[in-house]
Amino acid sequence: MCRVTHAVRLQIRADARTREHGAEPDLITLSVGAVELARLDGRHVSTEVAGGFTGRTVGIQCTVGRVLVRAFGYRPAP
């Protein structure tokens, strides 16, 4: 069982990308502090690829053991 006894702040950032012949899908970056956890092609969490999926959502999933979420907040980037 993984036990986290302190707050973890996950930052999710969407950065627009451009290419020669128009805009590319955005790049989603997940990080905790200065540690980058993953980069995802924004198409995979959008209506154009997922079909019927309207917008992006955030959720918490525990894959091992249990998790207690005391708070969740959302703040758009400045």
PDB file of N, CA and C in Angstrom:
ATOM      1  N   MET A   1       0.846  -1.184   0.000  1.00  0.00           N
ATOM      2  CA  MET A   1       0.000   0.000   0.000  1.00  0.00           C
ATOM      3  C   MET A   1       0.886   1.240   0.000  1.00  0.00           C
ATOM      4  N   CYS A   2       0.527   2.190  -0.822  1.00  0.00           N
ATOM      5  CA  CYS A   2       1.250   3.451  -0.901  1.00  0.00           C
ATOM      6  C   CYS A   2       0.570   4.449   0.025  1.00  0.00           C
ATOM      7  N   ARG A   3       1.338   5.061   0.878  1.00  0.00           N
ATOM      8  CA  ARG A   3       0.747   6.015   1.814  1.00  0.00           C
ATOM      9  C   ARG A   3       1.400   7.380   1.621  1.00  0.00           C
ATOM     10  N   VAL A   4       0.597   8.340   1.268  1.00  0.00           N
ATOM     11  CA  VAL A   4       1.061   9.718   1.116  1.00  0.00           C
ATOM     12  C   VAL A   4       0.468  10.495   2.268  1.00  0.00           C
ATOM     13  N   THR A   5       1.325  11.090   3.066  1.00  0.00           N
ATOM     14  CA  THR A   5       0.832  11.787   4.253  1.00  0.00           C
ATOM     15  C   THR A   5       0.951  13.298   4.122  1.00  0.00           C
ATOM     16  N   HIS A   6       1.199  13.768   2.924  1.00  0.00           N
ATOM     17  CA  HIS A   6       1.295  15.208   2.712  1.00  0.00           C
ATOM     18  C   HIS A   6       0.541  15.579   1.434  1.00  0.00           C
ATOM     19  N   ALA A   7       0.334  16.839   1.257  1.00  0.00           N
ATOM     20  CA  ALA A   7      -0.403  17.311   0.085  1.00  0.00           C
ATOM     21  C   ALA A   7       0.429  17.122  -1.176  1.00  0.00           C
ATOM     22  N   VAL A   8      -0.238  16.757  -2.240  1.00  0.00           N
ATOM     23  CA  VAL A   8       0.394  16.629  -3.548  1.00  0.00           C
ATOM     24  C   VAL A   8      -0.332  17.578  -4.486  1.00  0.00           C
ATOM     25  N   ARG A   9       0.412  18.402  -5.176  1.00  0.00           N
ATOM     26  CA  ARG A   9      -0.193  19.347  -6.121  1.00  0.00           C
ATOM     27  C   ARG A   9       0.198  18.933  -7.531  1.00  0.00           C
ATOM     28  N   LEU A  10      -0.787  18.492  -8.295  1.00  0.00           N
ATOM     29  CA  LEU A  10      -0.571  18.081  -9.678  1.00  0.00           C
ATOM     30  C   LEU A  10      -0.902  19.258 -10.579  1.00  0.00           C
ATOM     31  N   GLN A  11       0.027  19.612 -11.434  1.00  0.00           N
ATOM     32  CA  GLN A  11      -0.205  20.693 -12.388  1.00  0.00           C
ATOM     33  C   GLN A  11      -0.487  20.067 -13.749  1.00  0.00           C
ATOM     34  N   ILE A  12      -1.566  20.503 -14.375  1.00  0.00           N
ATOM     35  CA  ILE A  12      -1.928  20.048 -15.712  1.00  0.00           C
ATOM     36  C   ILE A  12      -1.919  21.275 -16.614  1.00  0.00           C
ATOM     37  N   ARG A  13      -1.077  21.249 -17.628  1.00  0.00           N
ATOM     38  CA  ARG A  13      -0.915  22.413 -18.494  1.00  0.00           C
ATOM     39  C   ARG A  13      -1.164  21.999 -19.941  1.00  0.00           C
ATOM     40  N   ALA A  14      -1.903  22.810 -20.677  1.00  0.00           N
ATOM     41  CA  ALA A  14      -2.143  22.577 -22.104  1.00  0.00           C
ATOM     42  C   ALA A  14      -1.428  23.666 -22.883  1.00  0.00           C
ATOM     43  N   ASP A  15      -0.501  23.259 -23.730  1.00  0.00           N
ATOM     44  CA  ASP A  15       0.266  24.203 -24.539  1.00  0.00           C
ATOM     45  C   ASP A  15      -0.079  24.022 -26.011  1.00  0.00           C
ATOM     46  N   ALA A  16      -0.396  25.123 -26.670  1.00  0.00           N
ATOM     47  CA  ALA A  16      -0.702  25.074 -28.102  1.00  0.00           C
ATOM     48  C   ALA A  16       0.580  24.804 -28.878  1.00  0.00           C
ATOM     49  N   ARG A  17       0.465  24.021 -29.939  1.00  0.00           N
ATOM     50  CA  ARG A  17       1.604  23.753 -30.816  1.00  0.00           C
ATOM     51  C   ARG A  17       1.218  24.188 -32.219  1.00  0.00           C
ATOM     52  N   THR A  18       2.187  24.616 -32.983  1.00  0.00           N
ATOM     53  CA  THR A  18       1.930  24.998 -34.370  1.00  0.00           C
ATOM     54  C   THR A  18       2.890  24.239 -35.276  1.00  0.00           C
ATOM     55  N   ARG A  19       2.497  24.103 -36.509  1.00  0.00           N
ATOM     56  CA  ARG A  19       3.353  23.473 -37.516  1.00  0.00           C
ATOM     57  C   ARG A  19       3.239  24.269 -38.803  1.00  0.00           C
ATOM     58  N   GLU A  20       3.965  23.862 -39.802  1.00  0.00           N
ATOM     59  CA  GLU A  20       4.019  24.575 -41.071  1.00  0.00           C
ATOM     60  C   GLU A  20       2.654  24.886 -41.682  1.00  0.00           C
ATOM     61  N   HIS A  21       1.759  23.917 -41.718  1.00  0.00           N
ATOM     62  CA  HIS A  21       0.484  24.072 -42.430  1.00  0.00           C
ATOM     63  C   HIS A  21      -0.710  24.198 -41.498  1.00  0.00           C
ATOM     64  N   GLY A  22      -0.550  24.879 -40.402  1.00  0.00           N
ATOM     65  CA  GLY A  22      -1.672  25.080 -39.494  1.00  0.00           C
ATOM     66  C   GLY A  22      -1.360  24.612 -38.089  1.00  0.00           C
ATOM     67  N   ALA A  23      -2.370  24.668 -37.257  1.00  0.00           N
ATOM     68  CA  ALA A  23      -2.187  24.339 -35.842  1.00  0.00           C
ATOM     69  C   ALA A  23      -2.205  22.832 -35.618  1.00  0.00           C
ATOM     70  N   GLU A  24      -1.379  22.393 -34.709  1.00  0.00           N
ATOM     71  CA  GLU A  24      -1.360  21.001 -34.262  1.00  0.00           C
ATOM     72  C   GLU A  24      -2.178  20.911 -32.989  1.00  0.00           C
ATOM     73  N   PRO A  25      -2.607  19.716 -32.606  1.00  0.00           N
ATOM     74  CA  PRO A  25      -3.307  19.585 -31.323  1.00  0.00           C
ATOM     75  C   PRO A  25      -2.403  20.030 -30.179  1.00  0.00           C
ATOM     76  N   ASP A  26      -3.008  20.456 -29.096  1.00  0.00           N
ATOM     77  CA  ASP A  26      -2.207  20.905 -27.968  1.00  0.00           C
ATOM     78  C   ASP A  26      -1.503  19.734 -27.291  1.00  0.00           C
ATOM     79  N   LEU A  27      -0.534  20.069 -26.471  1.00  0.00           N
ATOM     80  CA  LEU A  27       0.252  19.092 -25.733  1.00  0.00           C
ATOM     81  C   LEU A  27      -0.102  19.239 -24.262  1.00  0.00           C
ATOM     82  N   ILE A  28      -0.557  18.166 -23.624  1.00  0.00           N
ATOM     83  CA  ILE A  28      -0.937  18.183 -22.215  1.00  0.00           C
ATOM     84  C   ILE A  28       0.260  17.708 -21.400  1.00  0.00           C
ATOM     85  N   THR A  29       0.682  18.505 -20.431  1.00  0.00           N
ATOM     86  CA  THR A  29       1.805  18.146 -19.571  1.00  0.00           C
ATOM     87  C   THR A  29       1.311  18.002 -18.142  1.00  0.00           C
ATOM     88  N   LEU A  30       1.631  16.869 -17.509  1.00  0.00           N
ATOM     89  CA  LEU A  30       1.288  16.618 -16.108  1.00  0.00           C
ATOM     90  C   LEU A  30       2.573  16.666 -15.304  1.00  0.00           C
ATOM     91  N   SER A  31       2.581  17.432 -14.216  1.00  0.00           N
ATOM     92  CA  SER A  31       3.785  17.521 -13.392  1.00  0.00           C
ATOM     93  C   SER A  31       3.427  17.729 -11.932  1.00  0.00           C
ATOM     94  N   VAL A  32       4.354  17.348 -11.080  1.00  0.00           N
ATOM     95  CA  VAL A  32       4.275  17.623  -9.646  1.00  0.00           C
ATOM     96  C   VAL A  32       5.529  18.412  -9.332  1.00  0.00           C
ATOM     97  N   GLY A  33       5.347  19.685  -8.974  1.00  0.00           N
ATOM     98  CA  GLY A  33       6.504  20.552  -8.779  1.00  0.00           C
ATOM     99  C   GLY A  33       7.270  20.660 -10.087  1.00  0.00           C
ATOM    100  N   ALA A  34       8.593  20.482 -10.017  1.00  0.00           N
ATOM    101  CA  ALA A  34       9.423  20.559 -11.216  1.00  0.00           C
ATOM    102  C   ALA A  34       9.542  19.215 -11.930  1.00  0.00           C
ATOM    103  N   VAL A  35       8.918  18.170 -11.395  1.00  0.00           N
ATOM    104  CA  VAL A  35       9.031  16.828 -11.966  1.00  0.00           C
ATOM    105  C   VAL A  35       7.907  16.581 -12.974  1.00  0.00           C
ATOM    106  N   GLU A  36       8.282  16.426 -14.237  1.00  0.00           N
ATOM    107  CA  GLU A  36       7.297  16.132 -15.274  1.00  0.00           C
ATOM    108  C   GLU A  36       6.962  14.648 -15.222  1.00  0.00           C
ATOM    109  N   LEU A  37       5.677  14.337 -15.092  1.00  0.00           N
ATOM    110  CA  LEU A  37       5.229  12.948 -15.014  1.00  0.00           C
ATOM    111  C   LEU A  37       4.872  12.381 -16.380  1.00  0.00           C
ATOM    112  N   ALA A  38       4.262  13.199 -17.239  1.00  0.00           N
ATOM    113  CA  ALA A  38       3.833  12.702 -18.549  1.00  0.00           C
ATOM    114  C   ALA A  38       3.535  13.857 -19.486  1.00  0.00           C
ATOM    115  N   ARG A  39       3.649  13.571 -20.789  1.00  0.00           N
ATOM    116  CA  ARG A  39       3.194  14.473 -21.853  1.00  0.00           C
ATOM    117  C   ARG A  39       2.250  13.686 -22.736  1.00  0.00           C
ATOM    118  N   LEU A  40       1.105  14.275 -23.010  1.00  0.00           N
ATOM    119  CA  LEU A  40       0.081  13.589 -23.792  1.00  0.00           C
ATOM    120  C   LEU A  40      -0.334  14.438 -24.981  1.00  0.00           C
ATOM    121  N   ASP A  41      -0.619  13.804 -26.075  1.00  0.00           N
ATOM    122  CA  ASP A  41      -1.169  14.477 -27.238  1.00  0.00           C
ATOM    123  C   ASP A  41      -2.604  14.863 -26.892  1.00  0.00           C
ATOM    124  N   GLY A  42      -2.933  16.132 -26.969  1.00  0.00           N
ATOM    125  CA  GLY A  42      -4.252  16.618 -26.590  1.00  0.00           C
ATOM    126  C   GLY A  42      -5.403  16.012 -27.367  1.00  0.00           C
ATOM    127  N   ARG A  43      -5.129  15.447 -28.554  1.00  0.00           N
ATOM    128  CA  ARG A  43      -6.202  14.829 -29.345  1.00  0.00           C
ATOM    129  C   ARG A  43      -6.849  13.662 -28.615  1.00  0.00           C
ATOM    130  N   HIS A  44      -6.088  12.957 -27.790  1.00  0.00           N
ATOM    131  CA  HIS A  44      -6.605  11.750 -27.151  1.00  0.00           C
ATOM    132  C   HIS A  44      -7.590  12.043 -26.023  1.00  0.00           C
ATOM    133  N   VAL A  45      -7.701  13.282 -25.631  1.00  0.00           N
ATOM    134  CA  VAL A  45      -8.696  13.664 -24.623  1.00  0.00           C
ATOM    135  C   VAL A  45      -9.596  14.766 -25.177  1.00  0.00           C
ATOM    136  N   SER A  46      -9.928  14.650 -26.463  1.00  0.00           N
ATOM    137  CA  SER A  46     -10.790  15.646 -27.096  1.00  0.00           C
ATOM    138  C   SER A  46     -11.901  14.962 -27.882  1.00  0.00           C
ATOM    139  N   THR A  47     -12.896  15.726 -28.265  1.00  0.00           N
ATOM    140  CA  THR A  47     -14.039  15.204 -29.008  1.00  0.00           C
ATOM    141  C   THR A  47     -13.621  14.632 -30.354  1.00  0.00           C
ATOM    142  N   GLU A  48     -12.633  15.235 -31.022  1.00  0.00           N
ATOM    143  CA  GLU A  48     -12.277  14.792 -32.374  1.00  0.00           C
ATOM    144  C   GLU A  48     -11.783  13.345 -32.416  1.00  0.00           C
ATOM    145  N   VAL A  49     -11.183  12.843 -31.360  1.00  0.00           N
ATOM    146  CA  VAL A  49     -10.685  11.465 -31.336  1.00  0.00           C
ATOM    147  C   VAL A  49     -11.551  10.571 -30.463  1.00  0.00           C
ATOM    148  N   ALA A  50     -11.924  11.058 -29.293  1.00  0.00           N
ATOM    149  CA  ALA A  50     -12.671  10.231 -28.341  1.00  0.00           C
ATOM    150  C   ALA A  50     -14.125  10.041 -28.764  1.00  0.00           C
ATOM    151  N   GLY A  51     -14.652  10.918 -29.601  1.00  0.00           N
ATOM    152  CA  GLY A  51     -16.028  10.800 -30.078  1.00  0.00           C
ATOM    153  C   GLY A  51     -17.045  10.872 -28.948  1.00  0.00           C
ATOM    154  N   GLY A  52     -17.927  11.820 -28.997  1.00  0.00           N
ATOM    155  CA  GLY A  52     -18.954  11.942 -27.970  1.00  0.00           C
ATOM    156  C   GLY A  52     -18.453  12.519 -26.661  1.00  0.00           C
ATOM    157  N   PHE A  53     -17.184  12.611 -26.511  1.00  0.00           N
ATOM    158  CA  PHE A  53     -16.590  13.186 -25.303  1.00  0.00           C
ATOM    159  C   PHE A  53     -16.631  14.690 -25.460  1.00  0.00           C
ATOM    160  N   THR A  54     -17.251  15.381 -24.545  1.00  0.00           N
ATOM    161  CA  THR A  54     -17.405  16.825 -24.703  1.00  0.00           C
ATOM    162  C   THR A  54     -16.597  17.562 -23.654  1.00  0.00           C
ATOM    163  N   GLY A  55     -15.460  18.017 -24.024  1.00  0.00           N
ATOM    164  CA  GLY A  55     -14.593  18.743 -23.109  1.00  0.00           C
ATOM    165  C   GLY A  55     -13.642  17.821 -22.381  1.00  0.00           C
ATOM    166  N   ARG A  56     -12.885  18.381 -21.477  1.00  0.00           N
ATOM    167  CA  ARG A  56     -11.913  17.622 -20.693  1.00  0.00           C
ATOM    168  C   ARG A  56     -12.352  17.589 -19.248  1.00  0.00           C
ATOM    169  N   THR A  57     -12.075  16.485 -18.605  1.00  0.00           N
ATOM    170  CA  THR A  57     -12.438  16.337 -17.204  1.00  0.00           C
ATOM    171  C   THR A  57     -11.226  15.910 -16.394  1.00  0.00           C
ATOM    172  N   VAL A  58     -11.309  16.114 -15.101  1.00  0.00           N
ATOM    173  CA  VAL A  58     -10.260  15.700 -14.175  1.00  0.00           C
ATOM    174  C   VAL A  58     -10.891  14.741 -13.185  1.00  0.00           C
ATOM    175  N   GLY A  59     -10.214  13.658 -12.907  1.00  0.00           N
ATOM    176  CA  GLY A  59     -10.716  12.694 -11.938  1.00  0.00           C
ATOM    177  C   GLY A  59      -9.567  12.091 -11.151  1.00  0.00           C
ATOM    178  N   ILE A  60      -9.876  11.497 -10.037  1.00  0.00           N
ATOM    179  CA  ILE A  60      -8.870  10.871  -9.187  1.00  0.00           C
ATOM    180  C   ILE A  60      -9.171   9.384  -9.139  1.00  0.00           C
ATOM    181  N   GLN A  61      -8.148   8.578  -9.393  1.00  0.00           N
ATOM    182  CA  GLN A  61      -8.320   7.131  -9.370  1.00  0.00           C
ATOM    183  C   GLN A  61      -7.187   6.517  -8.565  1.00  0.00           C
ATOM    184  N   CYS A  62      -7.533   5.682  -7.639  1.00  0.00           N
ATOM    185  CA  CYS A  62      -6.549   4.951  -6.849  1.00  0.00           C
ATOM    186  C   CYS A  62      -6.362   3.589  -7.498  1.00  0.00           C
ATOM    187  N   THR A  63      -5.147   3.262  -7.903  1.00  0.00           N
ATOM    188  CA  THR A  63      -4.905   1.983  -8.570  1.00  0.00           C
ATOM    189  C   THR A  63      -4.438   0.897  -7.608  1.00  0.00           C
ATOM    190  N   VAL A  64      -3.982   1.276  -6.428  1.00  0.00           N
ATOM    191  CA  VAL A  64      -3.544   0.313  -5.413  1.00  0.00           C
ATOM    192  C   VAL A  64      -3.974   0.843  -4.054  1.00  0.00           C
ATOM    193  N   GLY A  65      -4.556   0.020  -3.235  1.00  0.00           N
ATOM    194  CA  GLY A  65      -4.936   0.440  -1.885  1.00  0.00           C
ATOM    195  C   GLY A  65      -6.110   1.395  -1.880  1.00  0.00           C
ATOM    196  N   ARG A  66      -6.035   2.381  -1.002  1.00  0.00           N
ATOM    197  CA  ARG A  66      -7.122   3.356  -0.855  1.00  0.00           C
ATOM    198  C   ARG A  66      -6.557   4.769  -0.941  1.00  0.00           C
ATOM    199  N   VAL A  67      -7.425   5.695  -1.237  1.00  0.00           N
ATOM    200  CA  VAL A  67      -7.023   7.098  -1.275  1.00  0.00           C
ATOM    201  C   VAL A  67      -8.090   7.927  -0.561  1.00  0.00           C
ATOM    202  N   LEU A  68      -7.640   8.925   0.164  1.00  0.00           N
ATOM    203  CA  LEU A  68      -8.543   9.867   0.817  1.00  0.00           C
ATOM    204  C   LEU A  68      -8.239  11.244   0.242  1.00  0.00           C
ATOM    205  N   VAL A  69      -9.203  11.819  -0.424  1.00  0.00           N
ATOM    206  CA  VAL A  69      -9.040  13.147  -1.001  1.00  0.00           C
ATOM    207  C   VAL A  69      -9.741  14.125  -0.082  1.00  0.00           C
ATOM    208  N   ARG A  70      -8.982  15.015   0.492  1.00  0.00           N
ATOM    209  CA  ARG A  70      -9.556  16.007   1.412  1.00  0.00           C
ATOM    210  C   ARG A  70     -10.027  17.265   0.685  1.00  0.00           C
ATOM    211  N   ALA A  71      -9.408  17.549  -0.437  1.00  0.00           N
ATOM    212  CA  ALA A  71      -9.793  18.747  -1.182  1.00  0.00           C
ATOM    213  C   ALA A  71      -9.356  18.606  -2.632  1.00  0.00           C
ATOM    214  N   PHE A  72     -10.083  19.279  -3.490  1.00  0.00           N
ATOM    215  CA  PHE A  72      -9.724  19.360  -4.896  1.00  0.00           C
ATOM    216  C   PHE A  72     -10.027  20.774  -5.336  1.00  0.00           C
ATOM    217  N   GLY A  73      -9.102  21.390  -6.026  1.00  0.00           N
ATOM    218  CA  GLY A  73      -9.321  22.752  -6.489  1.00  0.00           C
ATOM    219  C   GLY A  73      -8.907  22.900  -7.938  1.00  0.00           C
ATOM    220  N   TYR A  74      -9.491  23.854  -8.606  1.00  0.00           N
ATOM    221  CA  TYR A  74      -9.165  24.147  -9.998  1.00  0.00           C
ATOM    222  C   TYR A  74      -8.933  25.638 -10.115  1.00  0.00           C
ATOM    223  N   ARG A  75      -7.850  25.996 -10.757  1.00  0.00           N
ATOM    224  CA  ARG A  75      -7.566  27.405 -10.989  1.00  0.00           C
ATOM    225  C   ARG A  75      -6.952  27.545 -12.373  1.00  0.00           C
ATOM    226  N   PRO A  76      -7.558  28.320 -13.261  1.00  0.00           N
ATOM    227  CA  PRO A  76      -6.967  28.515 -14.580  1.00  0.00           C
ATOM    228  C   PRO A  76      -5.621  29.222 -14.457  1.00  0.00           C
ATOM    229  N   ALA A  77      -4.739  28.939 -15.381  1.00  0.00           N
ATOM    230  CA  ALA A  77      -3.425  29.591 -15.386  1.00  0.00           C
ATOM    231  C   ALA A  77      -3.601  31.083 -15.632  1.00  0.00           C
ATOM    232  N   PRO A  78      -2.743  31.892 -15.039  1.00  0.00           N
ATOM    233  CA  PRO A  78      -2.851  33.351 -15.250  1.00  0.00           C
ATOM    234  C   PRO A  78      -2.524  33.744 -16.672  1.00  0.00           C
TER     235      PRO A  78
END
